Amino acid sequence: MKRYRKVPRVAQPVETLIALRYPNGRIHDTAVNRQLMPDEQFEMYGRTWMAIRTKERRQRKNESRTLCVPAASP
């Protein structure tokens, strides 16, 4: 019987490219370490953001990014 060396399984991190659209119209491209679904909210840079939709980029390898806007204040 052959013995095999045990190799620990490590989950590969998922990186999602996002575009944060500020109220003044400025867009900041960044990434988060998890998958985002439409209408999902998350905290970043002291604000609550909401994922809107995934859009294809026209620049740099046509990678898709998720557009995010500030969530409405209660």
C-alpha atoms as a PDB file:
ATOM      1  CA  MET A   1       0.000   0.000   0.000  1.00  0.00           C
ATOM      2  CA  LYS A   2       1.337   3.421  -0.984  1.00  0.00           C
ATOM      3  CA  ARG A   3       1.384   6.115   1.619  1.00  0.00           C
ATOM      4  CA  TYR A   4       0.504   9.610   0.582  1.00  0.00           C
ATOM      5  CA  ARG A   5       1.619  12.732   2.291  1.00  0.00           C
ATOM      6  CA  LYS A   6      -1.294  14.695   3.724  1.00  0.00           C
ATOM      7  CA  VAL A   7      -1.532  18.132   2.202  1.00  0.00           C
ATOM      8  CA  PRO A   8      -3.564  20.692   4.135  1.00  0.00           C
ATOM      9  CA  ARG A   9      -6.410  22.160   2.134  1.00  0.00           C
ATOM     10  CA  VAL A  10      -6.505  25.911   2.223  1.00  0.00           C
ATOM     11  CA  ALA A  11      -9.404  27.780   0.693  1.00  0.00           C
ATOM     12  CA  GLN A  12      -8.306  30.200  -1.969  1.00  0.00           C
ATOM     13  CA  PRO A  13      -9.451  33.758  -1.262  1.00  0.00           C
ATOM     14  CA  VAL A  14     -12.009  35.218  -3.634  1.00  0.00           C
ATOM     15  CA  GLU A  15     -11.319  38.748  -4.762  1.00  0.00           C
ATOM     16  CA  THR A  16     -14.185  40.743  -6.247  1.00  0.00           C
ATOM     17  CA  LEU A  17     -13.402  43.947  -8.117  1.00  0.00           C
ATOM     18  CA  ILE A  18     -15.751  46.772  -7.146  1.00  0.00           C
ATOM     19  CA  ALA A  19     -16.343  50.388  -8.146  1.00  0.00           C
ATOM     20  CA  LEU A  20     -17.486  52.661  -5.318  1.00  0.00           C
ATOM     21  CA  ARG A  21     -19.544  55.573  -6.679  1.00  0.00           C
ATOM     22  CA  TYR A  22     -19.543  58.491  -4.229  1.00  0.00           C
ATOM     23  CA  PRO A  23     -22.418  61.039  -4.074  1.00  0.00           C
ATOM     24  CA  ASN A  24     -20.229  63.676  -5.797  1.00  0.00           C
ATOM     25  CA  GLY A  25     -19.820  61.376  -8.834  1.00  0.00           C
ATOM     26  CA  ARG A  26     -16.261  60.232  -8.097  1.00  0.00           C
ATOM     27  CA  ILE A  27     -15.621  56.508  -8.693  1.00  0.00           C
ATOM     28  CA  HIS A  28     -12.991  54.587  -6.742  1.00  0.00           C
ATOM     29  CA  ASP A  29     -11.910  51.158  -8.014  1.00  0.00           C
ATOM     30  CA  THR A  30     -10.931  48.646  -5.333  1.00  0.00           C
ATOM     31  CA  ALA A  31     -11.564  45.025  -4.329  1.00  0.00           C
ATOM     32  CA  VAL A  32     -13.152  43.044  -1.505  1.00  0.00           C
ATOM     33  CA  ASN A  33     -12.202  39.574  -0.347  1.00  0.00           C
ATOM     34  CA  ARG A  34     -15.610  37.967  -0.864  1.00  0.00           C
ATOM     35  CA  GLN A  35     -18.303  37.563  -3.482  1.00  0.00           C
ATOM     36  CA  LEU A  36     -20.999  40.276  -3.533  1.00  0.00           C
ATOM     37  CA  MET A  37     -24.587  39.736  -4.615  1.00  0.00           C
ATOM     38  CA  PRO A  38     -26.913  42.511  -5.910  1.00  0.00           C
ATOM     39  CA  ASP A  39     -28.603  44.511  -3.095  1.00  0.00           C
ATOM     40  CA  GLU A  40     -26.063  43.216  -0.543  1.00  0.00           C
ATOM     41  CA  GLN A  41     -24.793  45.831   1.923  1.00  0.00           C
ATOM     42  CA  PHE A  42     -21.298  46.057   3.418  1.00  0.00           C
ATOM     43  CA  GLU A  43     -19.125  48.487   5.400  1.00  0.00           C
ATOM     44  CA  MET A  44     -16.037  50.106   3.862  1.00  0.00           C
ATOM     45  CA  TYR A  45     -14.224  53.417   4.393  1.00  0.00           C
ATOM     46  CA  GLY A  46     -16.650  54.492   7.134  1.00  0.00           C
ATOM     47  CA  ARG A  47     -19.740  54.152   4.935  1.00  0.00           C
ATOM     48  CA  THR A  48     -22.392  51.537   4.279  1.00  0.00           C
ATOM     49  CA  TRP A  49     -22.357  50.515   0.608  1.00  0.00           C
ATOM     50  CA  MET A  50     -24.864  48.567  -1.460  1.00  0.00           C
ATOM     51  CA  ALA A  51     -23.915  46.439  -4.458  1.00  0.00           C
ATOM     52  CA  ILE A  52     -26.008  47.368  -7.499  1.00  0.00           C
ATOM     53  CA  ARG A  53     -24.889  45.393 -10.541  1.00  0.00           C
ATOM     54  CA  THR A  54     -21.895  43.849 -12.262  1.00  0.00           C
ATOM     55  CA  LYS A  55     -20.569  45.773 -15.237  1.00  0.00           C
ATOM     56  CA  GLU A  56     -17.862  44.975 -17.798  1.00  0.00           C
ATOM     57  CA  ARG A  57     -14.887  47.313 -17.759  1.00  0.00           C
ATOM     58  CA  ARG A  58     -13.692  48.922 -20.951  1.00  0.00           C
ATOM     59  CA  GLN A  59     -10.140  49.296 -19.689  1.00  0.00           C
ATOM     60  CA  ARG A  60      -7.554  46.754 -18.584  1.00  0.00           C
ATOM     61  CA  LYS A  61      -8.399  43.221 -19.725  1.00  0.00           C
ATOM     62  CA  ASN A  62     -12.195  43.699 -19.727  1.00  0.00           C
ATOM     63  CA  GLU A  63     -12.503  42.481 -16.137  1.00  0.00           C
ATOM     64  CA  SER A  64     -15.979  42.854 -14.689  1.00  0.00           C
ATOM     65  CA  ARG A  65     -16.548  44.922 -11.568  1.00  0.00           C
ATOM     66  CA  THR A  66     -19.503  45.374  -9.247  1.00  0.00           C
ATOM     67  CA  LEU A  67     -20.898  48.904  -9.031  1.00  0.00           C
ATOM     68  CA  CYS A  68     -21.620  49.982  -5.435  1.00  0.00           C
ATOM     69  CA  VAL A  69     -23.371  53.103  -4.159  1.00  0.00           C
ATOM     70  CA  PRO A  70     -23.851  54.463  -0.634  1.00  0.00           C
ATOM     71  CA  ALA A  71     -26.812  52.795   1.079  1.00  0.00           C
ATOM     72  CA  ALA A  72     -29.769  55.012   1.966  1.00  0.00           C
ATOM     73  CA  SER A  73     -29.636  56.324   5.522  1.00  0.00           C
ATOM     74  CA  PRO A  74     -32.512  55.176   7.743  1.00  0.00           C
END
